């Protein structure tokens, strides 16, 4: 496994992938504050460097940013 078992990770989000800057087990959803295990992370915004727990949270993030 490539991810550490505990703690908050620091990532850099790219257009189609992310780079782990500081190891950890999860990141926080920018909309809900929920913990997202790194192996379950599928949604993020590379412009705002935000992670989202699911498609609904990603849509809400775009709405809050005035993109949608």
PDB file of N, CA and C in Angstrom:
ATOM      1  N   UNK A   1       0.845  -1.178   0.000  1.00  0.00           N
ATOM      2  CA  UNK A   1       0.000   0.000   0.000  1.00  0.00           C
ATOM      3  C   UNK A   1       0.893   1.244   0.000  1.00  0.00           C
ATOM      4  N   UNK A   2       0.515   2.241  -0.773  1.00  0.00           N
ATOM      5  CA  UNK A   2       1.313   3.438  -0.931  1.00  0.00           C
ATOM      6  C   UNK A   2       0.960   4.535   0.073  1.00  0.00           C
ATOM      7  N   UNK A   3      -0.144   4.374   0.796  1.00  0.00           N
ATOM      8  CA  UNK A   3      -0.615   5.414   1.690  1.00  0.00           C
ATOM      9  C   UNK A   3      -0.328   5.039   3.135  1.00  0.00           C
ATOM     10  N   UNK A   4      -0.033   6.049   3.951  1.00  0.00           N
ATOM     11  CA  UNK A   4       0.146   5.805   5.374  1.00  0.00           C
ATOM     12  C   UNK A   4      -1.198   5.468   5.996  1.00  0.00           C
ATOM     13  N   UNK A   5      -1.167   4.855   7.147  1.00  0.00           N
ATOM     14  CA  UNK A   5      -2.395   4.369   7.761  1.00  0.00           C
ATOM     15  C   UNK A   5      -3.141   5.395   8.589  1.00  0.00           C
ATOM     16  N   UNK A   6      -2.542   6.527   8.892  1.00  0.00           N
ATOM     17  CA  UNK A   6      -3.246   7.504   9.720  1.00  0.00           C
ATOM     18  C   UNK A   6      -2.805   8.923   9.393  1.00  0.00           C
ATOM     19  N   UNK A   7      -3.646   9.879   9.761  1.00  0.00           N
ATOM     20  CA  UNK A   7      -3.319  11.283   9.638  1.00  0.00           C
ATOM     21  C   UNK A   7      -3.769  11.927   8.347  1.00  0.00           C
ATOM     22  N   UNK A   8      -3.682  13.235   8.352  1.00  0.00           N
ATOM     23  CA  UNK A   8      -4.079  14.057   7.217  1.00  0.00           C
ATOM     24  C   UNK A   8      -2.929  14.153   6.217  1.00  0.00           C
ATOM     25  N   UNK A   9      -3.216  13.848   4.971  1.00  0.00           N
ATOM     26  CA  UNK A   9      -2.217  13.932   3.900  1.00  0.00           C
ATOM     27  C   UNK A   9      -2.273  15.318   3.273  1.00  0.00           C
ATOM     28  N   UNK A  10      -1.163  15.748   2.702  1.00  0.00           N
ATOM     29  CA  UNK A  10      -1.116  16.987   1.936  1.00  0.00           C
ATOM     30  C   UNK A  10      -0.829  16.599   0.492  1.00  0.00           C
ATOM     31  N   UNK A  11      -1.718  17.031  -0.420  1.00  0.00           N
ATOM     32  CA  UNK A  11      -1.610  16.648  -1.821  1.00  0.00           C
ATOM     33  C   UNK A  11      -1.519  17.865  -2.718  1.00  0.00           C
ATOM     34  N   UNK A  12      -0.978  17.654  -3.902  1.00  0.00           N
ATOM     35  CA  UNK A  12      -1.084  18.640  -4.983  1.00  0.00           C
ATOM     36  C   UNK A  12      -1.938  17.983  -6.052  1.00  0.00           C
ATOM     37  N   UNK A  13      -3.064  18.634  -6.391  1.00  0.00           N
ATOM     38  CA  UNK A  13      -4.014  18.074  -7.343  1.00  0.00           C
ATOM     39  C   UNK A  13      -3.689  18.537  -8.752  1.00  0.00           C
ATOM     40  N   UNK A  14      -3.524  17.585  -9.647  1.00  0.00           N
ATOM     41  CA  UNK A  14      -3.318  17.891 -11.057  1.00  0.00           C
ATOM     42  C   UNK A  14      -4.611  17.654 -11.819  1.00  0.00           C
ATOM     43  N   UNK A  15      -4.575  17.843 -13.131  1.00  0.00           N
ATOM     44  CA  UNK A  15      -5.773  17.696 -13.955  1.00  0.00           C
ATOM     45  C   UNK A  15      -6.322  16.268 -13.935  1.00  0.00           C
ATOM     46  N   UNK A  16      -5.454  15.267 -13.876  1.00  0.00           N
ATOM     47  CA  UNK A  16      -5.927  13.883 -13.924  1.00  0.00           C
ATOM     48  C   UNK A  16      -5.357  12.987 -12.827  1.00  0.00           C
ATOM     49  N   UNK A  17      -4.526  13.547 -11.959  1.00  0.00           N
ATOM     50  CA  UNK A  17      -3.964  12.770 -10.859  1.00  0.00           C
ATOM     51  C   UNK A  17      -3.541  13.700  -9.742  1.00  0.00           C
ATOM     52  N   UNK A  18      -3.035  13.136  -8.673  1.00  0.00           N
ATOM     53  CA  UNK A  18      -2.534  13.959  -7.576  1.00  0.00           C
ATOM     54  C   UNK A  18      -1.170  13.448  -7.137  1.00  0.00           C
ATOM     55  N   UNK A  19      -0.413  14.347  -6.512  1.00  0.00           N
ATOM     56  CA  UNK A  19       0.907  14.015  -5.989  1.00  0.00           C
ATOM     57  C   UNK A  19       0.862  14.150  -4.475  1.00  0.00           C
ATOM     58  N   UNK A  20       1.367  13.165  -3.783  1.00  0.00           N
ATOM     59  CA  UNK A  20       1.402  13.214  -2.324  1.00  0.00           C
ATOM     60  C   UNK A  20       2.624  14.022  -1.895  1.00  0.00           C
ATOM     61  N   UNK A  21       2.365  15.147  -1.239  1.00  0.00           N
ATOM     62  CA  UNK A  21       3.438  16.010  -0.742  1.00  0.00           C
ATOM     63  C   UNK A  21       3.844  15.624   0.672  1.00  0.00           C
ATOM     64  N   UNK A  22       2.861  15.257   1.490  1.00  0.00           N
ATOM     65  CA  UNK A  22       3.095  14.769   2.850  1.00  0.00           C
ATOM     66  C   UNK A  22       2.176  13.584   3.074  1.00  0.00           C
ATOM     67  N   UNK A  23       2.749  12.471   3.487  1.00  0.00           N
ATOM     68  CA  UNK A  23       1.985  11.245   3.656  1.00  0.00           C
ATOM     69  C   UNK A  23       0.896  11.345   4.702  1.00  0.00           C
ATOM     70  N   UNK A  24      -0.113  10.546   4.538  1.00  0.00           N
ATOM     71  CA  UNK A  24      -1.239  10.469   5.453  1.00  0.00           C
ATOM     72  C   UNK A  24      -2.259   9.499   4.902  1.00  0.00           C
ATOM     73  N   UNK A  25      -3.334   9.302   5.634  1.00  0.00           N
ATOM     74  CA  UNK A  25      -4.355   8.345   5.240  1.00  0.00           C
ATOM     75  C   UNK A  25      -5.532   8.979   4.527  1.00  0.00           C
ATOM     76  N   UNK A  26      -5.728  10.288   4.726  1.00  0.00           N
ATOM     77  CA  UNK A  26      -6.923  10.919   4.177  1.00  0.00           C
ATOM     78  C   UNK A  26      -6.693  12.400   3.907  1.00  0.00           C
ATOM     79  N   UNK A  27      -7.649  12.990   3.172  1.00  0.00           N
ATOM     80  CA  UNK A  27      -7.754  14.438   3.000  1.00  0.00           C
ATOM     81  C   UNK A  27      -9.161  14.816   3.444  1.00  0.00           C
ATOM     82  N   UNK A  28      -9.436  16.107   3.541  1.00  0.00           N
ATOM     83  CA  UNK A  28     -10.755  16.563   3.952  1.00  0.00           C
ATOM     84  C   UNK A  28     -11.527  17.116   2.770  1.00  0.00           C
ATOM     85  N   UNK A  29     -12.806  16.809   2.714  1.00  0.00           N
ATOM     86  CA  UNK A  29     -13.674  17.346   1.675  1.00  0.00           C
ATOM     87  C   UNK A  29     -13.835  18.844   1.896  1.00  0.00           C
ATOM     88  N   UNK A  30     -13.636  19.635   0.852  1.00  0.00           N
ATOM     89  CA  UNK A  30     -13.717  21.089   0.939  1.00  0.00           C
ATOM     90  C   UNK A  30     -15.139  21.571   1.217  1.00  0.00           C
ATOM     91  N   UNK A  31     -16.138  20.752   0.915  1.00  0.00           N
ATOM     92  CA  UNK A  31     -17.532  21.152   1.100  1.00  0.00           C
ATOM     93  C   UNK A  31     -18.096  20.646   2.421  1.00  0.00           C
ATOM     94  N   UNK A  32     -17.887  19.369   2.710  1.00  0.00           N
ATOM     95  CA  UNK A  32     -18.511  18.752   3.887  1.00  0.00           C
ATOM     96  C   UNK A  32     -17.587  18.636   5.089  1.00  0.00           C
ATOM     97  N   UNK A  33     -16.284  18.674   4.853  1.00  0.00           N
ATOM     98  CA  UNK A  33     -15.328  18.463   5.938  1.00  0.00           C
ATOM     99  C   UNK A  33     -15.101  17.000   6.267  1.00  0.00           C
ATOM    100  N   UNK A  34     -15.769  16.089   5.536  1.00  0.00           N
ATOM    101  CA  UNK A  34     -15.604  14.656   5.774  1.00  0.00           C
ATOM    102  C   UNK A  34     -14.196  14.204   5.425  1.00  0.00           C
ATOM    103  N   UNK A  35     -13.726  13.189   6.134  1.00  0.00           N
ATOM    104  CA  UNK A  35     -12.455  12.560   5.796  1.00  0.00           C
ATOM    105  C   UNK A  35     -12.655  11.690   4.562  1.00  0.00           C
ATOM    106  N   UNK A  36     -11.725  11.814   3.608  1.00  0.00           N
ATOM    107  CA  UNK A  36     -11.756  11.000   2.395  1.00  0.00           C
ATOM    108  C   UNK A  36     -10.475  10.163   2.372  1.00  0.00           C
ATOM    109  N   UNK A  37     -10.587   8.839   2.548  1.00  0.00           N
ATOM    110  CA  UNK A  37      -9.386   7.999   2.448  1.00  0.00           C
ATOM    111  C   UNK A  37      -8.746   8.183   1.063  1.00  0.00           C
ATOM    112  N   UNK A  38      -7.432   8.258   1.015  1.00  0.00           N
ATOM    113  CA  UNK A  38      -6.759   8.507  -0.264  1.00  0.00           C
ATOM    114  C   UNK A  38      -7.119   7.485  -1.325  1.00  0.00           C
ATOM    115  N   UNK A  39      -7.289   6.227  -0.938  1.00  0.00           N
ATOM    116  CA  UNK A  39      -7.620   5.210  -1.931  1.00  0.00           C
ATOM    117  C   UNK A  39      -9.042   5.370  -2.481  1.00  0.00           C
ATOM    118  N   UNK A  40      -9.867   6.221  -1.858  1.00  0.00           N
ATOM    119  CA  UNK A  40     -11.222   6.476  -2.341  1.00  0.00           C
ATOM    120  C   UNK A  40     -11.363   7.844  -3.010  1.00  0.00           C
ATOM    121  N   UNK A  41     -10.304   8.628  -3.053  1.00  0.00           N
ATOM    122  CA  UNK A  41     -10.360   9.975  -3.617  1.00  0.00           C
ATOM    123  C   UNK A  41     -10.513   9.916  -5.134  1.00  0.00           C
ATOM    124  N   UNK A  42     -11.632  10.439  -5.636  1.00  0.00           N
ATOM    125  CA  UNK A  42     -11.924  10.436  -7.071  1.00  0.00           C
ATOM    126  C   UNK A  42     -12.260  11.819  -7.618  1.00  0.00           C
ATOM    127  N   UNK A  43     -12.613  12.759  -6.746  1.00  0.00           N
ATOM    128  CA  UNK A  43     -13.074  14.079  -7.183  1.00  0.00           C
ATOM    129  C   UNK A  43     -12.245  15.176  -6.547  1.00  0.00           C
ATOM    130  N   UNK A  44     -11.725  16.088  -7.376  1.00  0.00           N
ATOM    131  CA  UNK A  44     -10.999  17.248  -6.879  1.00  0.00           C
ATOM    132  C   UNK A  44     -10.999  18.326  -7.933  1.00  0.00           C
ATOM    133  N   UNK A  45     -10.601  19.534  -7.528  1.00  0.00           N
ATOM    134  CA  UNK A  45     -10.471  20.652  -8.457  1.00  0.00           C
ATOM    135  C   UNK A  45      -9.022  21.098  -8.425  1.00  0.00           C
ATOM    136  N   UNK A  46      -8.349  20.993  -9.556  1.00  0.00           N
ATOM    137  CA  UNK A  46      -6.925  21.326  -9.584  1.00  0.00           C
ATOM    138  C   UNK A  46      -6.690  22.839  -9.550  1.00  0.00           C
ATOM    139  N   UNK A  47      -7.639  23.639 -10.047  1.00  0.00           N
ATOM    140  CA  UNK A  47      -7.479  25.097  -9.990  1.00  0.00           C
ATOM    141  C   UNK A  47      -7.545  25.610  -8.552  1.00  0.00           C
ATOM    142  N   UNK A  48      -8.507  25.101  -7.782  1.00  0.00           N
ATOM    143  CA  UNK A  48      -8.678  25.559  -6.397  1.00  0.00           C
ATOM    144  C   UNK A  48      -7.981  24.656  -5.387  1.00  0.00           C
ATOM    145  N   UNK A  49      -7.384  23.555  -5.859  1.00  0.00           N
ATOM    146  CA  UNK A  49      -6.677  22.614  -4.986  1.00  0.00           C
ATOM    147  C   UNK A  49      -7.589  22.149  -3.849  1.00  0.00           C
ATOM    148  N   UNK A  50      -8.781  21.668  -4.238  1.00  0.00           N
ATOM    149  CA  UNK A  50      -9.772  21.179  -3.282  1.00  0.00           C
ATOM    150  C   UNK A  50     -10.146  19.741  -3.602  1.00  0.00           C
ATOM    151  N   UNK A  51     -10.397  18.951  -2.557  1.00  0.00           N
ATOM    152  CA  UNK A  51     -10.872  17.583  -2.698  1.00  0.00           C
ATOM    153  C   UNK A  51     -12.358  17.536  -2.346  1.00  0.00           C
ATOM    154  N   UNK A  52     -13.080  16.582  -2.963  1.00  0.00           N
ATOM    155  CA  UNK A  52     -14.511  16.410  -2.708  1.00  0.00           C
ATOM    156  C   UNK A  52     -14.809  14.938  -2.476  1.00  0.00           C
ATOM    157  N   UNK A  53     -15.733  14.659  -1.569  1.00  0.00           N
ATOM    158  CA  UNK A  53     -16.030  13.259  -1.217  1.00  0.00           C
ATOM    159  C   UNK A  53     -16.771  12.512  -2.305  1.00  0.00           C
ATOM    160  N   UNK A  54     -17.588  13.258  -3.113  1.00  0.00           N
ATOM    161  CA  UNK A  54     -18.346  12.611  -4.178  1.00  0.00           C
ATOM    162  C   UNK A  54     -18.746  13.655  -5.226  1.00  0.00           C
ATOM    163  N   UNK A  55     -19.463  13.205  -6.254  1.00  0.00           N
ATOM    164  CA  UNK A  55     -19.846  14.108  -7.342  1.00  0.00           C
ATOM    165  C   UNK A  55     -20.755  15.230  -6.857  1.00  0.00           C
ATOM    166  N   UNK A  56     -21.653  14.938  -5.917  1.00  0.00           N
ATOM    167  CA  UNK A  56     -22.537  15.963  -5.374  1.00  0.00           C
ATOM    168  C   UNK A  56     -21.781  17.060  -4.656  1.00  0.00           C
ATOM    169  N   UNK A  57     -20.791  16.674  -3.880  1.00  0.00           N
ATOM    170  CA  UNK A  57     -19.960  17.665  -3.184  1.00  0.00           C
ATOM    171  C   UNK A  57     -19.132  18.469  -4.182  1.00  0.00           C
ATOM    172  N   UNK A  58     -18.654  17.819  -5.242  1.00  0.00           N
ATOM    173  CA  UNK A  58     -17.896  18.534  -6.273  1.00  0.00           C
ATOM    174  C   UNK A  58     -18.777  19.575  -6.953  1.00  0.00           C
ATOM    175  N   UNK A  59     -20.015  19.206  -7.271  1.00  0.00           N
ATOM    176  CA  UNK A  59     -20.944  20.160  -7.880  1.00  0.00           C
ATOM    177  C   UNK A  59     -21.190  21.344  -6.955  1.00  0.00           C
ATOM    178  N   UNK A  60     -21.377  21.071  -5.671  1.00  0.00           N
ATOM    179  CA  UNK A  60     -21.579  22.158  -4.699  1.00  0.00           C
ATOM    180  C   UNK A  60     -20.344  23.055  -4.633  1.00  0.00           C
ATOM    181  N   UNK A  61     -19.161  22.474  -4.713  1.00  0.00           N
ATOM    182  CA  UNK A  61     -17.930  23.266  -4.727  1.00  0.00           C
ATOM    183  C   UNK A  61     -17.865  24.185  -5.935  1.00  0.00           C
ATOM    184  N   UNK A  62     -18.261  23.668  -7.089  1.00  0.00           N
ATOM    185  CA  UNK A  62     -18.291  24.493  -8.298  1.00  0.00           C
ATOM    186  C   UNK A  62     -19.328  25.605  -8.173  1.00  0.00           C
ATOM    187  N   UNK A  63     -20.490  25.304  -7.593  1.00  0.00           N
ATOM    188  CA  UNK A  63     -21.521  26.322  -7.378  1.00  0.00           C
ATOM    189  C   UNK A  63     -21.017  27.427  -6.461  1.00  0.00           C
ATOM    190  N   UNK A  64     -20.374  27.044  -5.374  1.00  0.00           N
ATOM    191  CA  UNK A  64     -19.852  28.032  -4.420  1.00  0.00           C
ATOM    192  C   UNK A  64     -18.801  28.930  -5.060  1.00  0.00           C
ATOM    193  N   UNK A  65     -18.064  28.383  -6.007  1.00  0.00           N
ATOM    194  CA  UNK A  65     -17.021  29.155  -6.698  1.00  0.00           C
ATOM    195  C   UNK A  65     -17.593  29.993  -7.837  1.00  0.00           C
ATOM    196  N   UNK A  66     -18.898  29.828  -8.108  1.00  0.00           N
ATOM    197  CA  UNK A  66     -19.529  30.586  -9.176  1.00  0.00           C
ATOM    198  C   UNK A  66     -19.258  30.064 -10.568  1.00  0.00           C
ATOM    199  N   UNK A  67     -18.810  28.827 -10.662  1.00  0.00           N
ATOM    200  CA  UNK A  67     -18.495  28.238 -11.956  1.00  0.00           C
ATOM    201  C   UNK A  67     -19.756  27.671 -12.616  1.00  0.00           C
ATOM    202  N   UNK A  68     -20.687  27.202 -11.804  1.00  0.00           N
ATOM    203  CA  UNK A  68     -21.941  26.611 -12.322  1.00  0.00           C
ATOM    204  C   UNK A  68     -23.090  27.489 -11.926  1.00  0.00           C
TER     205      UNK A  68
END
